[in-house]
Amino acid sequence: VSEFGGPNMNYEPYSDAYQADRLYQYIRKLDSLGIPEAYYFKLVEGTDNLAHTNSGLIDDTTFAEKPAYALFRSFTSCPAFVPEQAVVSGRQIRFFPNPMYDFTILEMQDIPRSHVLTLTLYNSGGQVVRVLRGIFPDHYRLQRNHLPSGSYFVKVSDGKGIVARGKLIIE
């Protein structure tokens, strides 16, 4: 997506909390559509258009970061996408269902059955919330087990590096 932004001040109410909530909803929607890259149209710049002035992630006059900025950064700087080891495959993990409620099935294609893998689940802040060792690549069932609602990043690795990645939403 070349650019997205909002909320539109001409049609929607504005508050910092509302803006952060809407940004979260926009990112979830882009993610659910499988869009790997999107650009938020405005961090900060001067303009006479009130809608654009307010929708920036940084206050135009004080240069203070708004709550939506921290939310945006949590999606763009997650360690799940910064490899600490070699990426040996760019495979994506598919989840059924996604969003997940009680469980989801992970599908990782073209990974030999003989590979024993480690699954690492990160929350949207980049913190490791679960590590599962000794899983096999074909149709693994992941239980929710007290994970809170939110967006998660999943990395699957073998002894040589990362073999697959994916994004999971828990409702």
N, C-alpha and C. Protein backbone atom coordinates (compact mmCIF):
# COMPACT_ATOMS: atom_id res chain seq x y z
N VAL A 1 0.87 -1.16 0.00
CA VAL A 1 0.00 0.00 0.00
C VAL A 1 0.91 1.22 0.00
N SER A 2 0.74 2.08 -0.97
CA SER A 2 1.64 3.22 -1.10
C SER A 2 1.46 4.22 0.02
N GLU A 3 0.23 4.38 0.52
CA GLU A 3 0.04 5.24 1.69
C GLU A 3 -1.34 5.03 2.29
N PHE A 4 -1.42 5.23 3.60
CA PHE A 4 -2.69 5.22 4.30
C PHE A 4 -2.58 6.21 5.44
N GLY A 5 -3.67 6.60 6.01
CA GLY A 5 -3.63 7.56 7.11
C GLY A 5 -4.99 7.70 7.74
N GLY A 6 -5.08 8.59 8.69
CA GLY A 6 -6.37 8.84 9.30
C GLY A 6 -6.26 8.98 10.80
N PRO A 7 -7.34 9.17 11.48
CA PRO A 7 -8.71 9.23 10.94
C PRO A 7 -8.96 10.55 10.20
N ASN A 8 -10.00 10.57 9.40
CA ASN A 8 -10.35 11.75 8.63
C ASN A 8 -11.12 12.72 9.53
N MET A 9 -10.50 13.83 9.86
CA MET A 9 -11.10 14.81 10.77
C MET A 9 -12.38 15.44 10.22
N ASN A 10 -12.56 15.35 8.91
CA ASN A 10 -13.77 15.91 8.31
C ASN A 10 -15.00 15.05 8.57
N TYR A 11 -14.79 13.78 8.91
CA TYR A 11 -15.91 12.85 9.08
C TYR A 11 -15.93 12.11 10.41
N GLU A 12 -14.80 12.07 11.11
CA GLU A 12 -14.70 11.28 12.34
C GLU A 12 -14.30 12.18 13.50
N PRO A 13 -14.65 11.76 14.72
CA PRO A 13 -14.22 12.54 15.88
C PRO A 13 -12.71 12.41 16.05
N TYR A 14 -12.12 13.33 16.80
CA TYR A 14 -10.68 13.22 17.01
C TYR A 14 -10.34 13.26 18.49
N SER A 15 -9.49 12.35 18.89
CA SER A 15 -8.79 12.39 20.17
C SER A 15 -7.54 11.53 19.95
N ASP A 16 -6.54 11.70 20.79
CA ASP A 16 -5.33 10.89 20.65
C ASP A 16 -5.65 9.41 20.80
N ALA A 17 -6.54 9.07 21.75
CA ALA A 17 -6.91 7.67 21.97
C ALA A 17 -7.65 7.11 20.75
N TYR A 18 -8.56 7.89 20.17
CA TYR A 18 -9.30 7.45 19.00
C TYR A 18 -8.35 7.22 17.83
N GLN A 19 -7.41 8.14 17.66
CA GLN A 19 -6.45 8.00 16.57
C GLN A 19 -5.63 6.72 16.73
N ALA A 20 -5.16 6.43 17.94
CA ALA A 20 -4.38 5.23 18.18
C ALA A 20 -5.22 3.98 17.91
N ASP A 21 -6.47 3.99 18.35
CA ASP A 21 -7.36 2.85 18.12
C ASP A 21 -7.59 2.64 16.63
N ARG A 22 -7.84 3.71 15.88
CA ARG A 22 -8.08 3.60 14.45
C ARG A 22 -6.83 3.10 13.72
N LEU A 23 -5.66 3.59 14.12
CA LEU A 23 -4.42 3.14 13.50
C LEU A 23 -4.25 1.63 13.70
N TYR A 24 -4.55 1.17 14.92
CA TYR A 24 -4.48 -0.27 15.20
C TYR A 24 -5.43 -1.03 14.28
N GLN A 25 -6.65 -0.53 14.10
CA GLN A 25 -7.63 -1.19 13.23
C GLN A 25 -7.14 -1.19 11.77
N TYR A 26 -6.55 -0.09 11.32
CA TYR A 26 -6.04 -0.02 9.95
C TYR A 26 -4.94 -1.07 9.73
N ILE A 27 -4.01 -1.16 10.68
CA ILE A 27 -2.91 -2.10 10.54
C ILE A 27 -3.42 -3.53 10.57
N ARG A 28 -4.38 -3.82 11.45
CA ARG A 28 -4.98 -5.16 11.48
C ARG A 28 -5.62 -5.51 10.14
N LYS A 29 -6.31 -4.56 9.55
CA LYS A 29 -6.97 -4.82 8.26
C LYS A 29 -5.94 -5.06 7.17
N LEU A 30 -4.91 -4.22 7.10
CA LEU A 30 -3.85 -4.42 6.11
C LEU A 30 -3.20 -5.79 6.29
N ASP A 31 -2.95 -6.15 7.54
CA ASP A 31 -2.34 -7.43 7.87
C ASP A 31 -3.23 -8.59 7.45
N SER A 32 -4.54 -8.48 7.70
CA SER A 32 -5.46 -9.57 7.36
C SER A 32 -5.57 -9.76 5.85
N LEU A 33 -5.27 -8.73 5.08
CA LEU A 33 -5.29 -8.82 3.63
C LEU A 33 -3.98 -9.35 3.06
N GLY A 34 -3.01 -9.61 3.95
CA GLY A 34 -1.72 -10.14 3.51
C GLY A 34 -0.81 -9.12 2.88
N ILE A 35 -1.04 -7.85 3.17
CA ILE A 35 -0.22 -6.78 2.60
C ILE A 35 1.08 -6.71 3.41
N PRO A 36 2.22 -6.97 2.78
CA PRO A 36 3.48 -7.03 3.52
C PRO A 36 4.10 -5.68 3.84
N GLU A 37 3.66 -4.60 3.15
CA GLU A 37 4.30 -3.32 3.35
C GLU A 37 3.30 -2.20 3.08
N ALA A 38 3.25 -1.23 3.99
CA ALA A 38 2.36 -0.08 3.83
C ALA A 38 3.03 1.13 4.46
N TYR A 39 2.72 2.31 3.95
CA TYR A 39 3.35 3.53 4.42
C TYR A 39 2.31 4.48 4.97
N TYR A 40 2.52 4.93 6.21
CA TYR A 40 1.63 5.92 6.81
C TYR A 40 2.00 7.26 6.21
N PHE A 41 1.02 8.01 5.73
CA PHE A 41 1.30 9.16 4.87
C PHE A 41 1.88 10.38 5.57
N LYS A 42 1.79 10.48 6.88
CA LYS A 42 2.24 11.73 7.50
C LYS A 42 2.72 11.50 8.92
N LEU A 43 3.98 11.76 9.16
CA LEU A 43 4.46 11.77 10.54
C LEU A 43 4.32 13.17 11.10
N VAL A 44 4.87 14.16 10.42
CA VAL A 44 4.72 15.55 10.84
C VAL A 44 5.15 16.47 9.70
N GLU A 45 4.40 17.52 9.48
CA GLU A 45 4.77 18.58 8.54
C GLU A 45 3.73 19.68 8.65
N GLY A 46 4.10 20.87 8.32
CA GLY A 46 3.17 21.99 8.40
C GLY A 46 2.15 21.95 7.28
N THR A 47 0.93 22.36 7.58
CA THR A 47 -0.14 22.41 6.59
C THR A 47 -1.27 23.25 7.15
N ASP A 48 -2.08 23.78 6.27
CA ASP A 48 -3.24 24.54 6.71
C ASP A 48 -4.47 23.65 6.86
N ASN A 49 -4.42 22.44 6.35
CA ASN A 49 -5.56 21.54 6.41
C ASN A 49 -5.63 20.92 7.81
N LEU A 50 -6.66 21.26 8.57
CA LEU A 50 -6.82 20.77 9.94
C LEU A 50 -6.82 19.24 9.99
N ALA A 51 -7.44 18.59 9.00
CA ALA A 51 -7.48 17.12 8.98
C ALA A 51 -6.07 16.55 8.93
N HIS A 52 -5.20 17.13 8.11
CA HIS A 52 -3.83 16.62 8.02
C HIS A 52 -3.00 17.01 9.24
N THR A 53 -3.21 18.18 9.77
CA THR A 53 -2.47 18.62 10.95
C THR A 53 -2.71 17.68 12.12
N ASN A 54 -3.96 17.37 12.37
CA ASN A 54 -4.30 16.51 13.52
C ASN A 54 -3.97 15.05 13.31
N SER A 55 -3.97 14.58 12.07
CA SER A 55 -3.78 13.15 11.85
C SER A 55 -2.32 12.71 11.86
N GLY A 56 -1.39 13.64 12.00
CA GLY A 56 0.01 13.27 12.10
C GLY A 56 0.29 12.49 13.36
N LEU A 57 1.35 11.72 13.36
CA LEU A 57 1.72 10.92 14.52
C LEU A 57 2.57 11.71 15.52
N ILE A 58 3.00 12.88 15.11
CA ILE A 58 3.79 13.77 15.96
C ILE A 58 3.12 15.13 15.94
N ASP A 59 2.95 15.74 17.09
CA ASP A 59 2.30 17.05 17.18
C ASP A 59 3.11 18.08 16.40
N ASP A 60 2.45 18.81 15.51
CA ASP A 60 3.14 19.79 14.65
C ASP A 60 3.80 20.93 15.43
N THR A 61 3.23 21.33 16.55
CA THR A 61 3.76 22.49 17.26
C THR A 61 4.76 22.11 18.34
N THR A 62 4.51 21.04 19.09
CA THR A 62 5.40 20.66 20.19
C THR A 62 6.39 19.57 19.79
N PHE A 63 6.14 18.91 18.67
CA PHE A 63 6.93 17.78 18.20
C PHE A 63 6.90 16.61 19.18
N ALA A 64 5.88 16.57 20.02
CA ALA A 64 5.70 15.46 20.95
C ALA A 64 5.10 14.28 20.20
N GLU A 65 5.55 13.08 20.53
CA GLU A 65 5.00 11.87 19.92
C GLU A 65 3.62 11.60 20.51
N LYS A 66 2.65 11.36 19.65
CA LYS A 66 1.30 11.02 20.09
C LYS A 66 1.23 9.53 20.42
N PRO A 67 0.20 9.08 21.16
CA PRO A 67 0.06 7.65 21.47
C PRO A 67 0.06 6.77 20.20
N ALA A 68 -0.50 7.27 19.12
CA ALA A 68 -0.53 6.51 17.88
C ALA A 68 0.88 6.26 17.34
N TYR A 69 1.82 7.17 17.64
CA TYR A 69 3.20 6.99 17.19
C TYR A 69 3.82 5.76 17.84
N ALA A 70 3.61 5.61 19.16
CA ALA A 70 4.15 4.44 19.88
C ALA A 70 3.54 3.15 19.33
N LEU A 71 2.25 3.19 19.05
CA LEU A 71 1.58 2.02 18.48
C LEU A 71 2.19 1.69 17.11
N PHE A 72 2.36 2.69 16.28
CA PHE A 72 2.94 2.51 14.95
C PHE A 72 4.34 1.91 15.06
N ARG A 73 5.15 2.43 15.96
CA ARG A 73 6.53 1.93 16.15
C ARG A 73 6.53 0.48 16.60
N SER A 74 5.53 0.09 17.43
CA SER A 74 5.51 -1.30 17.90
C SER A 74 5.33 -2.27 16.74
N PHE A 75 4.67 -1.83 15.67
CA PHE A 75 4.49 -2.69 14.51
C PHE A 75 5.70 -2.66 13.59
N THR A 76 6.45 -1.56 13.58
CA THR A 76 7.55 -1.43 12.63
C THR A 76 8.89 -1.84 13.20
N SER A 77 8.99 -2.04 14.50
CA SER A 77 10.30 -2.35 15.08
C SER A 77 10.31 -3.66 15.84
N CYS A 78 9.37 -4.53 15.57
CA CYS A 78 9.29 -5.79 16.30
C CYS A 78 10.48 -6.68 15.97
N PRO A 79 11.16 -7.23 16.99
CA PRO A 79 12.31 -8.09 16.74
C PRO A 79 11.97 -9.35 15.95
N ALA A 80 10.70 -9.71 15.87
CA ALA A 80 10.33 -10.89 15.10
C ALA A 80 10.74 -10.71 13.64
N PHE A 81 10.88 -9.48 13.19
CA PHE A 81 11.24 -9.23 11.81
C PHE A 81 12.68 -8.75 11.67
N VAL A 82 13.41 -8.70 12.75
CA VAL A 82 14.82 -8.38 12.72
C VAL A 82 15.56 -9.64 13.10
N PRO A 83 16.07 -10.37 12.13
CA PRO A 83 16.63 -11.68 12.43
C PRO A 83 17.88 -11.60 13.30
N GLU A 84 17.89 -12.39 14.38
CA GLU A 84 19.09 -12.48 15.18
C GLU A 84 19.92 -13.66 14.72
N GLN A 85 19.37 -14.39 13.77
CA GLN A 85 20.10 -15.49 13.14
C GLN A 85 19.78 -15.46 11.65
N ALA A 86 20.45 -16.29 10.90
CA ALA A 86 20.27 -16.30 9.46
C ALA A 86 18.84 -16.67 9.07
N VAL A 87 18.35 -16.06 8.02
CA VAL A 87 17.07 -16.47 7.45
C VAL A 87 17.38 -17.46 6.35
N VAL A 88 16.99 -18.72 6.56
CA VAL A 88 17.31 -19.75 5.57
C VAL A 88 16.15 -19.98 4.61
N SER A 89 15.01 -19.37 4.88
CA SER A 89 13.87 -19.48 3.98
C SER A 89 12.93 -18.30 4.22
N GLY A 90 12.34 -17.80 3.17
CA GLY A 90 11.38 -16.71 3.30
C GLY A 90 9.94 -17.20 3.36
N ARG A 91 9.72 -18.45 3.74
CA ARG A 91 8.38 -19.02 3.77
C ARG A 91 7.49 -18.29 4.77
N GLN A 92 6.22 -18.23 4.42
CA GLN A 92 5.22 -17.65 5.32
C GLN A 92 4.46 -18.77 6.02
N ILE A 93 4.08 -18.52 7.25
CA ILE A 93 3.22 -19.44 7.98
C ILE A 93 1.79 -19.02 7.71
N ARG A 94 0.94 -19.98 7.41
CA ARG A 94 -0.49 -19.70 7.27
C ARG A 94 -1.20 -20.21 8.50
N PHE A 95 -2.20 -19.45 8.96
CA PHE A 95 -2.95 -19.80 10.16
C PHE A 95 -4.41 -20.01 9.80
N PHE A 96 -5.01 -21.06 10.34
CA PHE A 96 -6.44 -21.34 10.13
C PHE A 96 -7.08 -21.65 11.47
N PRO A 97 -7.93 -20.87 12.03
CA PRO A 97 -8.37 -19.55 11.56
C PRO A 97 -7.42 -18.45 12.00
N ASN A 98 -7.53 -17.34 11.34
CA ASN A 98 -6.80 -16.13 11.71
C ASN A 98 -7.74 -14.96 11.42
N PRO A 99 -8.33 -14.36 12.43
CA PRO A 99 -8.00 -14.37 13.85
C PRO A 99 -8.35 -15.69 14.55
N MET A 100 -7.59 -15.95 15.59
CA MET A 100 -7.71 -17.15 16.38
C MET A 100 -8.53 -16.86 17.64
N TYR A 101 -9.30 -17.84 18.08
CA TYR A 101 -10.05 -17.70 19.34
C TYR A 101 -9.49 -18.67 20.38
N ASP A 102 -9.70 -19.97 20.22
CA ASP A 102 -9.19 -20.96 21.17
C ASP A 102 -7.93 -21.66 20.67
N PHE A 103 -7.85 -21.85 19.36
CA PHE A 103 -6.68 -22.50 18.76
C PHE A 103 -6.59 -22.08 17.30
N THR A 104 -5.44 -22.36 16.71
CA THR A 104 -5.25 -22.17 15.27
C THR A 104 -4.32 -23.27 14.77
N ILE A 105 -4.43 -23.57 13.50
CA ILE A 105 -3.56 -24.55 12.85
C ILE A 105 -2.52 -23.78 12.05
N LEU A 106 -1.25 -24.10 12.27
CA LEU A 106 -0.16 -23.49 11.51
C LEU A 106 0.17 -24.41 10.35
N GLU A 107 0.23 -23.84 9.17
CA GLU A 107 0.61 -24.61 8.00
C GLU A 107 1.89 -24.02 7.45
N MET A 108 2.91 -24.87 7.35
CA MET A 108 4.21 -24.46 6.82
C MET A 108 4.54 -25.42 5.69
N GLN A 109 4.48 -24.97 4.47
CA GLN A 109 4.68 -25.85 3.33
C GLN A 109 6.15 -25.93 2.94
N ASP A 110 6.48 -27.05 2.33
CA ASP A 110 7.81 -27.27 1.75
C ASP A 110 8.94 -27.29 2.78
N ILE A 111 8.63 -27.66 4.01
CA ILE A 111 9.67 -27.87 5.02
C ILE A 111 9.70 -29.38 5.28
N PRO A 112 10.85 -30.01 5.08
CA PRO A 112 10.91 -31.47 5.25
C PRO A 112 10.39 -31.92 6.63
N ARG A 113 9.63 -33.01 6.63
CA ARG A 113 9.04 -33.55 7.86
C ARG A 113 10.12 -33.91 8.87
N SER A 114 11.32 -34.21 8.41
CA SER A 114 12.40 -34.61 9.31
C SER A 114 12.93 -33.45 10.15
N HIS A 115 12.60 -32.22 9.77
CA HIS A 115 13.06 -31.07 10.53
C HIS A 115 12.28 -30.93 11.83
N VAL A 116 12.99 -30.80 12.93
CA VAL A 116 12.37 -30.50 14.21
C VAL A 116 12.57 -29.01 14.43
N LEU A 117 11.49 -28.29 14.73
CA LEU A 117 11.50 -26.84 14.71
C LEU A 117 11.22 -26.23 16.08
N THR A 118 11.57 -24.95 16.21
CA THR A 118 11.23 -24.15 17.38
C THR A 118 10.35 -23.01 16.93
N LEU A 119 9.21 -22.84 17.60
CA LEU A 119 8.28 -21.76 17.30
C LEU A 119 8.41 -20.71 18.40
N THR A 120 8.59 -19.45 18.01
CA THR A 120 8.66 -18.34 18.96
C THR A 120 7.55 -17.38 18.64
N LEU A 121 6.76 -17.03 19.66
CA LEU A 121 5.62 -16.13 19.52
C LEU A 121 5.96 -14.82 20.22
N TYR A 122 5.83 -13.70 19.49
CA TYR A 122 6.12 -12.37 20.01
C TYR A 122 4.82 -11.57 20.09
N ASN A 123 4.66 -10.74 21.13
CA ASN A 123 3.52 -9.82 21.16
C ASN A 123 3.85 -8.61 20.29
N SER A 124 2.90 -7.67 20.16
CA SER A 124 3.12 -6.52 19.28
C SER A 124 4.22 -5.59 19.78
N GLY A 125 4.60 -5.71 21.04
CA GLY A 125 5.71 -4.93 21.57
C GLY A 125 7.06 -5.58 21.36
N GLY A 126 7.08 -6.77 20.72
CA GLY A 126 8.33 -7.46 20.44
C GLY A 126 8.82 -8.37 21.55
N GLN A 127 8.01 -8.56 22.60
CA GLN A 127 8.42 -9.43 23.71
C GLN A 127 8.06 -10.87 23.41
N VAL A 128 8.95 -11.79 23.74
CA VAL A 128 8.68 -13.21 23.56
C VAL A 128 7.63 -13.63 24.60
N VAL A 129 6.53 -14.22 24.12
CA VAL A 129 5.47 -14.65 25.03
C VAL A 129 5.33 -16.16 25.09
N ARG A 130 5.90 -16.86 24.12
CA ARG A 130 5.84 -18.32 24.15
C ARG A 130 6.92 -18.87 23.24
N VAL A 131 7.58 -19.94 23.70
CA VAL A 131 8.55 -20.67 22.88
C VAL A 131 8.17 -22.14 22.96
N LEU A 132 7.98 -22.76 21.78
CA LEU A 132 7.63 -24.17 21.71
C LEU A 132 8.72 -24.89 20.92
N ARG A 133 9.37 -25.84 21.56
CA ARG A 133 10.46 -26.58 20.92
C ARG A 133 9.98 -27.98 20.53
N GLY A 134 10.56 -28.52 19.49
CA GLY A 134 10.27 -29.88 19.08
C GLY A 134 8.99 -30.04 18.30
N ILE A 135 8.58 -29.01 17.57
CA ILE A 135 7.38 -29.15 16.75
C ILE A 135 7.77 -29.62 15.35
N PHE A 136 6.81 -30.21 14.65
CA PHE A 136 7.04 -30.67 13.29
C PHE A 136 6.30 -29.76 12.32
N PRO A 137 6.77 -29.65 11.07
CA PRO A 137 6.29 -28.60 10.17
C PRO A 137 4.89 -28.77 9.59
N ASP A 138 4.29 -29.92 9.67
CA ASP A 138 3.01 -30.08 8.98
C ASP A 138 1.83 -29.91 9.94
N HIS A 139 1.07 -28.89 9.73
CA HIS A 139 -0.19 -28.63 10.42
C HIS A 139 -0.09 -28.73 11.95
N TYR A 140 0.68 -27.84 12.52
CA TYR A 140 0.80 -27.79 13.98
C TYR A 140 -0.39 -27.04 14.58
N ARG A 141 -0.97 -27.56 15.67
CA ARG A 141 -2.11 -26.92 16.34
C ARG A 141 -1.59 -26.11 17.52
N LEU A 142 -1.81 -24.80 17.48
CA LEU A 142 -1.38 -23.89 18.54
C LEU A 142 -2.59 -23.53 19.40
N GLN A 143 -2.51 -23.83 20.68
CA GLN A 143 -3.57 -23.50 21.64
C GLN A 143 -3.37 -22.08 22.16
N ARG A 144 -4.46 -21.41 22.45
CA ARG A 144 -4.41 -20.05 22.98
C ARG A 144 -3.81 -20.03 24.39
N ASN A 145 -4.29 -20.87 25.27
CA ASN A 145 -3.75 -21.00 26.63
C ASN A 145 -3.42 -19.66 27.30
N HIS A 146 -4.42 -18.86 27.54
CA HIS A 146 -4.32 -17.61 28.31
C HIS A 146 -3.59 -16.47 27.60
N LEU A 147 -3.36 -16.58 26.31
CA LEU A 147 -2.76 -15.45 25.59
C LEU A 147 -3.83 -14.37 25.43
N PRO A 148 -3.50 -13.12 25.74
CA PRO A 148 -4.49 -12.04 25.59
C PRO A 148 -4.75 -11.71 24.12
N SER A 149 -5.87 -11.08 23.86
CA SER A 149 -6.20 -10.63 22.51
C SER A 149 -5.13 -9.66 22.02
N GLY A 150 -4.86 -9.69 20.73
CA GLY A 150 -3.90 -8.77 20.15
C GLY A 150 -3.24 -9.35 18.91
N SER A 151 -2.26 -8.63 18.40
CA SER A 151 -1.49 -9.07 17.23
C SER A 151 -0.19 -9.70 17.69
N TYR A 152 0.18 -10.78 17.04
CA TYR A 152 1.39 -11.52 17.39
C TYR A 152 2.20 -11.82 16.13
N PHE A 153 3.50 -11.92 16.30
CA PHE A 153 4.40 -12.27 15.24
C PHE A 153 4.97 -13.64 15.59
N VAL A 154 5.05 -14.52 14.60
CA VAL A 154 5.50 -15.89 14.83
C VAL A 154 6.73 -16.15 13.97
N LYS A 155 7.73 -16.74 14.59
CA LYS A 155 8.96 -17.11 13.89
C LYS A 155 9.20 -18.59 14.15
N VAL A 156 9.48 -19.34 13.09
CA VAL A 156 9.81 -20.75 13.21
C VAL A 156 11.24 -20.93 12.73
N SER A 157 12.04 -21.62 13.53
CA SER A 157 13.45 -21.81 13.17
C SER A 157 13.87 -23.26 13.36
N ASP A 158 14.91 -23.64 12.64
CA ASP A 158 15.55 -24.93 12.87
C ASP A 158 16.94 -24.62 13.40
N GLY A 159 17.82 -25.56 13.46
CA GLY A 159 19.16 -25.31 14.00
C GLY A 159 20.01 -24.40 13.16
N LYS A 160 19.60 -24.14 11.91
CA LYS A 160 20.40 -23.34 10.99
C LYS A 160 19.92 -21.91 10.85
N GLY A 161 18.68 -21.62 11.18
CA GLY A 161 18.15 -20.27 11.03
C GLY A 161 16.64 -20.26 10.96
N ILE A 162 16.10 -19.10 10.59
CA ILE A 162 14.65 -18.91 10.51
C ILE A 162 14.16 -19.55 9.21
N VAL A 163 13.13 -20.40 9.32
CA VAL A 163 12.59 -21.07 8.13
C VAL A 163 11.23 -20.53 7.71
N ALA A 164 10.51 -19.87 8.62
CA ALA A 164 9.20 -19.32 8.27
C ALA A 164 8.80 -18.26 9.28
N ARG A 165 7.95 -17.32 8.82
CA ARG A 165 7.44 -16.25 9.66
C ARG A 165 5.97 -16.03 9.35
N GLY A 166 5.26 -15.44 10.30
CA GLY A 166 3.87 -15.13 10.06
C GLY A 166 3.33 -14.16 11.09
N LYS A 167 2.11 -13.69 10.85
CA LYS A 167 1.42 -12.78 11.75
C LYS A 167 0.10 -13.42 12.16
N LEU A 168 -0.21 -13.35 13.43
CA LEU A 168 -1.40 -13.98 13.97
C LEU A 168 -2.16 -12.96 14.81
N ILE A 169 -3.47 -12.95 14.67
CA ILE A 169 -4.34 -12.10 15.50
C ILE A 169 -5.12 -13.01 16.41
N ILE A 170 -5.17 -12.65 17.69
CA ILE A 170 -5.97 -13.40 18.66
C ILE A 170 -7.10 -12.50 19.12
N GLU A 171 -8.33 -13.00 19.00
CA GLU A 171 -9.51 -12.23 19.42
C GLU A 171 -10.05 -12.78 20.72
